[in-house]
Amino acid sequence: MRIHDQRTSAESGDESSNGDVRLNAYIARCSATSRRGADRLIRYRRVLVNGRPAEIGQRVDPNRDTVLVDNQKLTLPDTHTTILLNKPAGYLVSRRDPHHTRTVYDLLPENLHDLVPIGRLDLDTEGLLLLSNDGDLVERMTHPRYQIPKTYRAIVRGRPDESAMSRLRNGIEIDGEMTHPAEARIIGETAHGIELEFVLREGRKRQVRLMCRAIGHPVVSLRRILFAGLSLEGVKPGTWRVLTNDEVDTLKNYRGTHARGAHARGAHA
């Protein structure tokens, strides 16, 4: 399959006139982590610049400085690749885990194993998962300030009444903190339970499952069907496709706070 080239570019403010860049931005572009993830690596002293521990806020010159993460030298990729995977249930979103034999990387060819997930889906959740080696895109899609919408379909036990649906929409306390307002509606009834649709703009671990459990209607099955306007159309479970340059550009310019109608178009949950 032909991989579309998504050329690297400097984001405004990262690169100075003399060619040096923010270290966290450089790490993100090389390793496809987010900038917040890069800062964590620096804080945990896993980053060396020219043999010395790096500091938060440091700048580097990629042409002169040597940057190591976990003793591995970083280099900028020649191209960026982003794919959309239709994850089946039972596949872990991780490179390896001693307790699980199947990961999403088993569904990908070896030349795509450098891609990292943009957010997560838990083991039993199906559906749309983006993976990329574009650190700027990972940052854009996962940072809370962008409020990127993700749409889920959940089958739950029992029929939630209007009071329960109102709680889902207005916020539910999970681990001592209220969830953000969400869009939630009943789609219909299936052989396995009532089908609900959620549009979330935050990415707490197992959020949909915990919200449904809190109202007394536990999740039977869960699937993510949309991510920032991208859908699963034409992508069967266990398969994937490469995003086009236009699709990546659209994601990088996406305004989640203005995307209230995302469910009409074709981070964990």
C-alpha atoms as a PDB file:
ATOM      1  CA  MET A   1       0.000   0.000   0.000  1.00  0.00           C
ATOM      2  CA  ARG A   2       1.333   3.429  -0.904  1.00  0.00           C
ATOM      3  CA  ILE A   3       1.993   5.648   2.119  1.00  0.00           C
ATOM      4  CA  HIS A   4       1.141   9.316   1.592  1.00  0.00           C
ATOM      5  CA  ASP A   5       3.937  11.729   2.511  1.00  0.00           C
ATOM      6  CA  GLN A   6       3.032  14.170   5.253  1.00  0.00           C
ATOM      7  CA  ARG A   7       6.073  16.444   5.353  1.00  0.00           C
ATOM      8  CA  THR A   8       7.391  17.738   8.657  1.00  0.00           C
ATOM      9  CA  SER A   9       6.962  21.422   9.442  1.00  0.00           C
ATOM     10  CA  ALA A  10       7.840  23.776  12.258  1.00  0.00           C
ATOM     11  CA  GLU A  11       4.972  25.221  14.218  1.00  0.00           C
ATOM     12  CA  SER A  12       5.038  28.980  14.693  1.00  0.00           C
ATOM     13  CA  GLY A  13       7.098  29.959  17.738  1.00  0.00           C
ATOM     14  CA  ASP A  14       8.975  26.638  18.033  1.00  0.00           C
ATOM     15  CA  GLU A  15      11.879  27.513  15.749  1.00  0.00           C
ATOM     16  CA  SER A  16      14.003  30.638  16.092  1.00  0.00           C
ATOM     17  CA  SER A  17      15.819  32.529  13.352  1.00  0.00           C
ATOM     18  CA  ASN A  18      19.109  30.790  14.209  1.00  0.00           C
ATOM     19  CA  GLY A  19      17.595  27.325  13.783  1.00  0.00           C
ATOM     20  CA  ASP A  20      17.238  26.185  17.385  1.00  0.00           C
ATOM     21  CA  VAL A  21      13.922  24.728  18.576  1.00  0.00           C
ATOM     22  CA  ARG A  22      12.179  23.978  21.832  1.00  0.00           C
ATOM     23  CA  LEU A  23      13.392  20.647  23.129  1.00  0.00           C
ATOM     24  CA  ASN A  24       9.906  19.323  23.899  1.00  0.00           C
ATOM     25  CA  ALA A  25       8.774  20.176  20.359  1.00  0.00           C
ATOM     26  CA  TYR A  26      11.824  18.443  18.890  1.00  0.00           C
ATOM     27  CA  ILE A  27      11.221  15.311  20.970  1.00  0.00           C
ATOM     28  CA  ALA A  28       7.569  15.312  19.932  1.00  0.00           C
ATOM     29  CA  ARG A  29       8.432  15.499  16.237  1.00  0.00           C
ATOM     30  CA  CYS A  30      11.024  12.740  16.511  1.00  0.00           C
ATOM     31  CA  SER A  31       9.136  10.278  18.684  1.00  0.00           C
ATOM     32  CA  ALA A  32       5.466  11.211  18.142  1.00  0.00           C
ATOM     33  CA  THR A  33       4.780  11.811  21.797  1.00  0.00           C
ATOM     34  CA  SER A  34       2.933  14.971  22.770  1.00  0.00           C
ATOM     35  CA  ARG A  35       4.847  17.964  24.092  1.00  0.00           C
ATOM     36  CA  ARG A  36       3.399  17.300  27.527  1.00  0.00           C
ATOM     37  CA  GLY A  37       4.693  13.737  27.198  1.00  0.00           C
ATOM     38  CA  ALA A  38       8.095  15.094  26.180  1.00  0.00           C
ATOM     39  CA  ASP A  39       8.150  17.354  29.242  1.00  0.00           C
ATOM     40  CA  ARG A  40       7.448  14.321  31.428  1.00  0.00           C
ATOM     41  CA  LEU A  41      10.413  12.516  29.868  1.00  0.00           C
ATOM     42  CA  ILE A  42      12.601  15.542  30.621  1.00  0.00           C
ATOM     43  CA  ARG A  43      11.266  15.822  34.166  1.00  0.00           C
ATOM     44  CA  TYR A  44      11.984  12.134  34.809  1.00  0.00           C
ATOM     45  CA  ARG A  45      15.573  12.727  33.582  1.00  0.00           C
ATOM     46  CA  ARG A  46      15.225  10.329  30.676  1.00  0.00           C
ATOM     47  CA  VAL A  47      16.510  12.925  28.187  1.00  0.00           C
ATOM     48  CA  LEU A  48      20.161  13.853  27.602  1.00  0.00           C
ATOM     49  CA  VAL A  49      21.414  16.721  25.439  1.00  0.00           C
ATOM     50  CA  ASN A  50      25.067  16.356  24.500  1.00  0.00           C
ATOM     51  CA  GLY A  51      25.492  13.932  27.383  1.00  0.00           C
ATOM     52  CA  ARG A  52      23.927  16.145  30.069  1.00  0.00           C
ATOM     53  CA  PRO A  53      20.448  15.893  31.649  1.00  0.00           C
ATOM     54  CA  ALA A  54      17.977  18.122  29.830  1.00  0.00           C
ATOM     55  CA  GLU A  55      15.913  20.862  31.450  1.00  0.00           C
ATOM     56  CA  ILE A  56      12.320  21.978  30.940  1.00  0.00           C
ATOM     57  CA  GLY A  57      12.226  24.915  28.504  1.00  0.00           C
ATOM     58  CA  GLN A  58      15.610  24.106  26.966  1.00  0.00           C
ATOM     59  CA  ARG A  59      16.252  24.781  23.278  1.00  0.00           C
ATOM     60  CA  VAL A  60      18.401  22.690  20.949  1.00  0.00           C
ATOM     61  CA  ASP A  61      19.897  22.927  17.483  1.00  0.00           C
ATOM     62  CA  PRO A  62      19.017  19.667  15.666  1.00  0.00           C
ATOM     63  CA  ASN A  63      22.026  20.129  13.347  1.00  0.00           C
ATOM     64  CA  ARG A  64      24.561  20.411  16.169  1.00  0.00           C
ATOM     65  CA  ASP A  65      23.110  18.915  19.354  1.00  0.00           C
ATOM     66  CA  THR A  66      22.724  15.222  20.141  1.00  0.00           C
ATOM     67  CA  VAL A  67      19.492  14.342  21.941  1.00  0.00           C
ATOM     68  CA  LEU A  68      19.032  10.950  23.581  1.00  0.00           C
ATOM     69  CA  VAL A  69      15.839   9.539  25.096  1.00  0.00           C
ATOM     70  CA  ASP A  70      16.427   6.406  27.161  1.00  0.00           C
ATOM     71  CA  ASN A  71      19.907   6.324  25.563  1.00  0.00           C
ATOM     72  CA  GLN A  72      18.424   6.217  22.040  1.00  0.00           C
ATOM     73  CA  LYS A  73      19.435   9.009  19.649  1.00  0.00           C
ATOM     74  CA  LEU A  74      16.546  10.999  18.192  1.00  0.00           C
ATOM     75  CA  THR A  75      16.301  11.881  14.514  1.00  0.00           C
ATOM     76  CA  LEU A  76      13.553  13.661  12.634  1.00  0.00           C
ATOM     77  CA  PRO A  77      11.479  11.375  10.379  1.00  0.00           C
ATOM     78  CA  ASP A  78      11.657  12.166   6.664  1.00  0.00           C
ATOM     79  CA  THR A  79       7.873  11.936   6.427  1.00  0.00           C
ATOM     80  CA  HIS A  80       4.890  11.702   8.732  1.00  0.00           C
ATOM     81  CA  THR A  81       2.279   8.965   8.498  1.00  0.00           C
ATOM     82  CA  THR A  82      -1.096   8.872  10.243  1.00  0.00           C
ATOM     83  CA  ILE A  83      -3.503   5.945  10.004  1.00  0.00           C
ATOM     84  CA  LEU A  84      -7.068   5.217  11.049  1.00  0.00           C
ATOM     85  CA  LEU A  85      -7.529   1.733  12.533  1.00  0.00           C
ATOM     86  CA  ASN A  86     -10.825  -0.019  13.242  1.00  0.00           C
ATOM     87  CA  LYS A  87      -9.808  -1.704  16.491  1.00  0.00           C
ATOM     88  CA  PRO A  88     -11.571  -4.952  17.402  1.00  0.00           C
ATOM     89  CA  ALA A  89     -12.322  -5.818  21.018  1.00  0.00           C
ATOM     90  CA  GLY A  90      -9.620  -7.858  22.730  1.00  0.00           C
ATOM     91  CA  TYR A  91      -6.626  -5.936  21.358  1.00  0.00           C
ATOM     92  CA  LEU A  92      -4.559  -3.880  23.776  1.00  0.00           C
ATOM     93  CA  VAL A  93      -3.531  -0.349  22.751  1.00  0.00           C
ATOM     94  CA  SER A  94       0.094  -0.857  23.751  1.00  0.00           C
ATOM     95  CA  ARG A  95       3.287  -2.188  22.206  1.00  0.00           C
ATOM     96  CA  ARG A  96       3.588  -5.034  24.684  1.00  0.00           C
ATOM     97  CA  ASP A  97       2.079  -6.279  27.921  1.00  0.00           C
ATOM     98  CA  PRO A  98       2.961  -9.454  29.833  1.00  0.00           C
ATOM     99  CA  HIS A  99      -0.706 -10.085  30.596  1.00  0.00           C
ATOM    100  CA  HIS A 100      -2.049  -9.760  27.035  1.00  0.00           C
ATOM    101  CA  THR A 101      -0.774 -11.503  23.925  1.00  0.00           C
ATOM    102  CA  ARG A 102      -2.622  -9.398  21.327  1.00  0.00           C
ATOM    103  CA  THR A 103      -1.954  -5.704  20.724  1.00  0.00           C
ATOM    104  CA  VAL A 104      -3.063  -3.324  17.975  1.00  0.00           C
ATOM    105  CA  TYR A 105       0.441  -3.590  16.509  1.00  0.00           C
ATOM    106  CA  ASP A 106      -0.328  -7.203  15.580  1.00  0.00           C
ATOM    107  CA  LEU A 107      -2.819  -5.716  13.092  1.00  0.00           C
ATOM    108  CA  LEU A 108      -0.184  -3.507  11.426  1.00  0.00           C
ATOM    109  CA  PRO A 109       2.795  -4.221   9.172  1.00  0.00           C
ATOM    110  CA  GLU A 110       6.200  -3.848  10.806  1.00  0.00           C
ATOM    111  CA  ASN A 111       6.966  -0.602   8.957  1.00  0.00           C
ATOM    112  CA  LEU A 112       4.111   1.072  10.901  1.00  0.00           C
ATOM    113  CA  HIS A 113       5.226  -0.073  14.352  1.00  0.00           C
ATOM    114  CA  ASP A 114       6.829   3.321  15.034  1.00  0.00           C
ATOM    115  CA  LEU A 115       3.389   4.959  15.088  1.00  0.00           C
ATOM    116  CA  VAL A 116       1.930   5.850  18.475  1.00  0.00           C
ATOM    117  CA  PRO A 117      -1.759   5.933  19.457  1.00  0.00           C
ATOM    118  CA  ILE A 118      -3.542   9.277  19.575  1.00  0.00           C
ATOM    119  CA  GLY A 119      -5.412   8.649  22.802  1.00  0.00           C
ATOM    120  CA  ARG A 120      -6.482   5.187  23.896  1.00  0.00           C
ATOM    121  CA  LEU A 121      -9.289   2.659  23.717  1.00  0.00           C
ATOM    122  CA  ASP A 122      -9.471   0.099  26.490  1.00  0.00           C
ATOM    123  CA  LEU A 123      -9.121  -3.632  25.850  1.00  0.00           C
ATOM    124  CA  ASP A 124     -12.816  -4.362  25.381  1.00  0.00           C
ATOM    125  CA  THR A 125     -13.695  -1.205  23.419  1.00  0.00           C
ATOM    126  CA  GLU A 126     -13.921  -1.343  19.631  1.00  0.00           C
ATOM    127  CA  GLY A 127     -13.732   1.253  16.940  1.00  0.00           C
ATOM    128  CA  LEU A 128     -11.826   4.222  15.624  1.00  0.00           C
ATOM    129  CA  LEU A 129      -8.220   4.652  16.733  1.00  0.00           C
ATOM    130  CA  LEU A 130      -5.712   7.042  15.159  1.00  0.00           C
ATOM    131  CA  LEU A 131      -1.989   6.291  15.207  1.00  0.00           C
ATOM    132  CA  SER A 132       0.743   8.640  13.996  1.00  0.00           C
ATOM    133  CA  ASN A 133       4.426   9.564  14.098  1.00  0.00           C
ATOM    134  CA  ASP A 134       3.520  13.269  13.849  1.00  0.00           C
ATOM    135  CA  GLY A 135       4.132  14.758  17.282  1.00  0.00           C
ATOM    136  CA  ASP A 136       2.426  18.064  16.467  1.00  0.00           C
ATOM    137  CA  LEU A 137      -0.726  16.196  15.452  1.00  0.00           C
ATOM    138  CA  VAL A 138      -0.628  14.045  18.595  1.00  0.00           C
ATOM    139  CA  GLU A 139      -0.395  17.217  20.674  1.00  0.00           C
ATOM    140  CA  ARG A 140      -3.265  18.862  18.810  1.00  0.00           C
ATOM    141  CA  MET A 141      -5.578  15.867  19.120  1.00  0.00           C
ATOM    142  CA  THR A 142      -4.893  15.098  22.797  1.00  0.00           C
ATOM    143  CA  HIS A 143      -4.441  18.469  24.527  1.00  0.00           C
ATOM    144  CA  PRO A 144      -7.543  19.310  26.608  1.00  0.00           C
ATOM    145  CA  ARG A 145      -7.700  22.921  25.414  1.00  0.00           C
ATOM    146  CA  TYR A 146      -8.720  21.847  21.903  1.00  0.00           C
ATOM    147  CA  GLN A 147     -11.766  19.875  23.120  1.00  0.00           C
ATOM    148  CA  ILE A 148     -11.661  17.438  20.199  1.00  0.00           C
ATOM    149  CA  PRO A 149     -15.017  15.585  19.967  1.00  0.00           C
ATOM    150  CA  LYS A 150     -15.112  11.776  20.077  1.00  0.00           C
ATOM    151  CA  THR A 151     -18.390   9.965  19.435  1.00  0.00           C
ATOM    152  CA  TYR A 152     -19.228   6.604  21.031  1.00  0.00           C
ATOM    153  CA  ARG A 153     -22.073   4.098  20.780  1.00  0.00           C
ATOM    154  CA  ALA A 154     -22.683   2.072  23.949  1.00  0.00           C
ATOM    155  CA  ILE A 155     -25.077  -0.806  24.612  1.00  0.00           C
ATOM    156  CA  VAL A 156     -26.173  -0.633  28.262  1.00  0.00           C
ATOM    157  CA  ARG A 157     -28.291  -2.766  30.564  1.00  0.00           C
ATOM    158  CA  GLY A 158     -31.737  -1.355  31.244  1.00  0.00           C
ATOM    159  CA  ARG A 159     -33.275   1.851  29.910  1.00  0.00           C
ATOM    160  CA  PRO A 160     -31.983   5.071  31.506  1.00  0.00           C
ATOM    161  CA  ASP A 161     -34.756   7.478  32.472  1.00  0.00           C
ATOM    162  CA  GLU A 162     -34.617  11.214  31.761  1.00  0.00           C
ATOM    163  CA  SER A 163     -33.062  11.925  35.154  1.00  0.00           C
ATOM    164  CA  ALA A 164     -30.197   9.525  34.398  1.00  0.00           C
ATOM    165  CA  MET A 165     -29.712  11.003  30.911  1.00  0.00           C
ATOM    166  CA  SER A 166     -29.614  14.488  32.406  1.00  0.00           C
ATOM    167  CA  ARG A 167     -26.822  13.405  34.748  1.00  0.00           C
ATOM    168  CA  LEU A 168     -24.835  12.070  31.788  1.00  0.00           C
ATOM    169  CA  ARG A 169     -25.250  15.376  29.946  1.00  0.00           C
ATOM    170  CA  ASN A 170     -24.522  17.696  32.863  1.00  0.00           C
ATOM    171  CA  GLY A 171     -21.646  15.853  34.509  1.00  0.00           C
ATOM    172  CA  ILE A 172     -21.039  12.945  36.869  1.00  0.00           C
ATOM    173  CA  GLU A 173     -18.526  12.722  39.687  1.00  0.00           C
ATOM    174  CA  ILE A 174     -15.764  10.193  38.942  1.00  0.00           C
ATOM    175  CA  ASP A 175     -12.893   9.759  41.384  1.00  0.00           C
ATOM    176  CA  GLY A 176     -13.815  12.995  43.119  1.00  0.00           C
ATOM    177  CA  GLU A 177     -13.965  15.119  39.969  1.00  0.00           C
ATOM    178  CA  MET A 178     -16.926  16.061  37.794  1.00  0.00           C
ATOM    179  CA  THR A 179     -16.941  15.109  34.128  1.00  0.00           C
ATOM    180  CA  HIS A 180     -17.389  17.872  31.589  1.00  0.00           C
ATOM    181  CA  PRO A 181     -20.828  18.362  30.019  1.00  0.00           C
ATOM    182  CA  ALA A 182     -21.407  15.797  27.272  1.00  0.00           C
ATOM    183  CA  GLU A 183     -23.904  15.106  24.543  1.00  0.00           C
ATOM    184  CA  ALA A 184     -25.879  11.944  25.323  1.00  0.00           C
ATOM    185  CA  ARG A 185     -28.987  10.488  23.727  1.00  0.00           C
ATOM    186  CA  ILE A 186     -30.841   7.202  23.387  1.00  0.00           C
ATOM    187  CA  ILE A 187     -30.531   5.729  19.892  1.00  0.00           C
ATOM    188  CA  GLY A 188     -32.838   2.745  20.289  1.00  0.00           C
ATOM    189  CA  GLU A 189     -33.188  -0.783  21.583  1.00  0.00           C
ATOM    190  CA  THR A 190     -31.162  -3.824  20.486  1.00  0.00           C
ATOM    191  CA  ALA A 191     -31.275  -7.516  21.365  1.00  0.00           C
ATOM    192  CA  HIS A 192     -28.522  -6.893  23.924  1.00  0.00           C
ATOM    193  CA  GLY A 193     -29.782  -3.692  25.559  1.00  0.00           C
ATOM    194  CA  ILE A 194     -30.415   0.002  25.016  1.00  0.00           C
ATOM    195  CA  GLU A 195     -28.073   1.820  22.637  1.00  0.00           C
ATOM    196  CA  LEU A 196     -26.778   5.236  23.715  1.00  0.00           C
ATOM    197  CA  GLU A 197     -24.681   7.759  21.828  1.00  0.00           C
ATOM    198  CA  PHE A 198     -22.131  10.005  23.562  1.00  0.00           C
ATOM    199  CA  VAL A 199     -20.057  12.911  22.285  1.00  0.00           C
ATOM    200  CA  LEU A 200     -17.178  13.623  24.680  1.00  0.00           C
ATOM    201  CA  ARG A 201     -14.583  16.389  24.573  1.00  0.00           C
ATOM    202  CA  GLU A 202     -12.308  15.064  27.285  1.00  0.00           C
ATOM    203  CA  GLY A 203     -10.388  11.813  27.560  1.00  0.00           C
ATOM    204  CA  ARG A 204     -10.540  10.245  31.000  1.00  0.00           C
ATOM    205  CA  LYS A 205      -9.699   6.586  31.358  1.00  0.00           C
ATOM    206  CA  ARG A 206     -12.768   4.344  30.876  1.00  0.00           C
ATOM    207  CA  GLN A 207     -14.963   7.441  31.045  1.00  0.00           C
ATOM    208  CA  VAL A 208     -18.060   6.154  29.231  1.00  0.00           C
ATOM    209  CA  ARG A 209     -18.067   2.911  31.211  1.00  0.00           C
ATOM    210  CA  LEU A 210     -17.693   4.739  34.533  1.00  0.00           C
ATOM    211  CA  MET A 211     -20.411   7.262  33.661  1.00  0.00           C
ATOM    212  CA  CYS A 212     -22.871   4.511  32.740  1.00  0.00           C
ATOM    213  CA  ARG A 213     -22.023   2.517  35.850  1.00  0.00           C
ATOM    214  CA  ALA A 214     -22.624   5.627  37.976  1.00  0.00           C
ATOM    215  CA  ILE A 215     -26.233   5.900  36.721  1.00  0.00           C
ATOM    216  CA  GLY A 216     -26.871   2.185  37.270  1.00  0.00           C
ATOM    217  CA  HIS A 217     -26.735   1.087  33.625  1.00  0.00           C
ATOM    218  CA  PRO A 218     -23.429  -0.728  33.032  1.00  0.00           C
ATOM    219  CA  VAL A 219     -21.979  -1.001  29.543  1.00  0.00           C
ATOM    220  CA  VAL A 220     -22.374  -4.282  27.667  1.00  0.00           C
ATOM    221  CA  SER A 221     -20.367  -3.180  24.628  1.00  0.00           C
ATOM    222  CA  LEU A 222     -18.719   0.048  23.510  1.00  0.00           C
ATOM    223  CA  ARG A 223     -17.541   1.364  20.157  1.00  0.00           C
ATOM    224  CA  ARG A 224     -16.002   4.672  19.077  1.00  0.00           C
ATOM    225  CA  ILE A 225     -17.464   5.671  15.728  1.00  0.00           C
ATOM    226  CA  LEU A 226     -16.148   9.214  15.128  1.00  0.00           C
ATOM    227  CA  PHE A 227     -13.019  11.179  15.997  1.00  0.00           C
ATOM    228  CA  ALA A 228     -12.886  14.874  15.039  1.00  0.00           C
ATOM    229  CA  GLY A 229     -15.241  14.247  12.126  1.00  0.00           C
ATOM    230  CA  LEU A 230     -13.409  11.144  10.824  1.00  0.00           C
ATOM    231  CA  SER A 231     -15.539   8.014  10.552  1.00  0.00           C
ATOM    232  CA  LEU A 232     -15.042   4.258  10.101  1.00  0.00           C
ATOM    233  CA  GLU A 233     -16.633   4.287   6.659  1.00  0.00           C
ATOM    234  CA  GLY A 234     -14.979   1.675   4.440  1.00  0.00           C
ATOM    235  CA  VAL A 235     -12.704   0.370   7.214  1.00  0.00           C
ATOM    236  CA  LYS A 236     -13.673  -3.098   8.435  1.00  0.00           C
ATOM    237  CA  PRO A 237     -12.789  -4.316  11.968  1.00  0.00           C
ATOM    238  CA  GLY A 238      -9.112  -5.212  12.177  1.00  0.00           C
ATOM    239  CA  THR A 239      -8.162  -3.154   9.111  1.00  0.00           C
ATOM    240  CA  TRP A 240      -6.770   0.348   8.634  1.00  0.00           C
ATOM    241  CA  ARG A 241      -6.191   3.092   6.099  1.00  0.00           C
ATOM    242  CA  VAL A 242      -3.715   5.948   5.727  1.00  0.00           C
ATOM    243  CA  LEU A 243      -5.068   9.461   6.170  1.00  0.00           C
ATOM    244  CA  THR A 244      -4.595  11.794   3.231  1.00  0.00           C
ATOM    245  CA  ASN A 245      -2.614  15.017   3.514  1.00  0.00           C
ATOM    246  CA  ASP A 246      -5.870  16.969   3.302  1.00  0.00           C
ATOM    247  CA  GLU A 247      -7.359  14.958   6.196  1.00  0.00           C
ATOM    248  CA  VAL A 248      -4.281  15.575   8.348  1.00  0.00           C
ATOM    249  CA  ASP A 249      -4.343  19.293   7.547  1.00  0.00           C
ATOM    250  CA  THR A 250      -8.031  19.369   8.526  1.00  0.00           C
ATOM    251  CA  LEU A 251      -7.243  17.698  11.849  1.00  0.00           C
ATOM    252  CA  LYS A 252      -4.447  20.173  12.582  1.00  0.00           C
ATOM    253  CA  ASN A 253      -6.853  23.067  11.994  1.00  0.00           C
ATOM    254  CA  TYR A 254      -9.808  21.448  13.747  1.00  0.00           C
ATOM    255  CA  ARG A 255     -11.780  23.601  16.163  1.00  0.00           C
ATOM    256  CA  GLY A 256     -13.364  21.166  18.583  1.00  0.00           C
ATOM    257  CA  THR A 257     -15.233  23.826  20.539  1.00  0.00           C
ATOM    258  CA  HIS A 258     -17.079  24.793  17.359  1.00  0.00           C
ATOM    259  CA  ALA A 259     -17.854  21.243  16.262  1.00  0.00           C
ATOM    260  CA  ARG A 260     -21.193  20.675  17.938  1.00  0.00           C
ATOM    261  CA  GLY A 261     -22.580  18.878  14.882  1.00  0.00           C
ATOM    262  CA  ALA A 262     -19.747  16.352  14.543  1.00  0.00           C
ATOM    263  CA  HIS A 263     -21.991  13.330  15.073  1.00  0.00           C
ATOM    264  CA  ALA A 264     -23.896  14.161  11.901  1.00  0.00           C
ATOM    265  CA  ARG A 265     -20.817  13.822   9.692  1.00  0.00           C
ATOM    266  CA  GLY A 266     -19.603  10.666   8.106  1.00  0.00           C
ATOM    267  CA  ALA A 267      -7.455  10.219  24.569  1.00  0.00           C
ATOM    268  CA  HIS A 268      -9.626   6.207  26.904  1.00  0.00           C
ATOM    269  CA  ALA A 269     -13.206   5.197  26.917  1.00  0.00           C
END
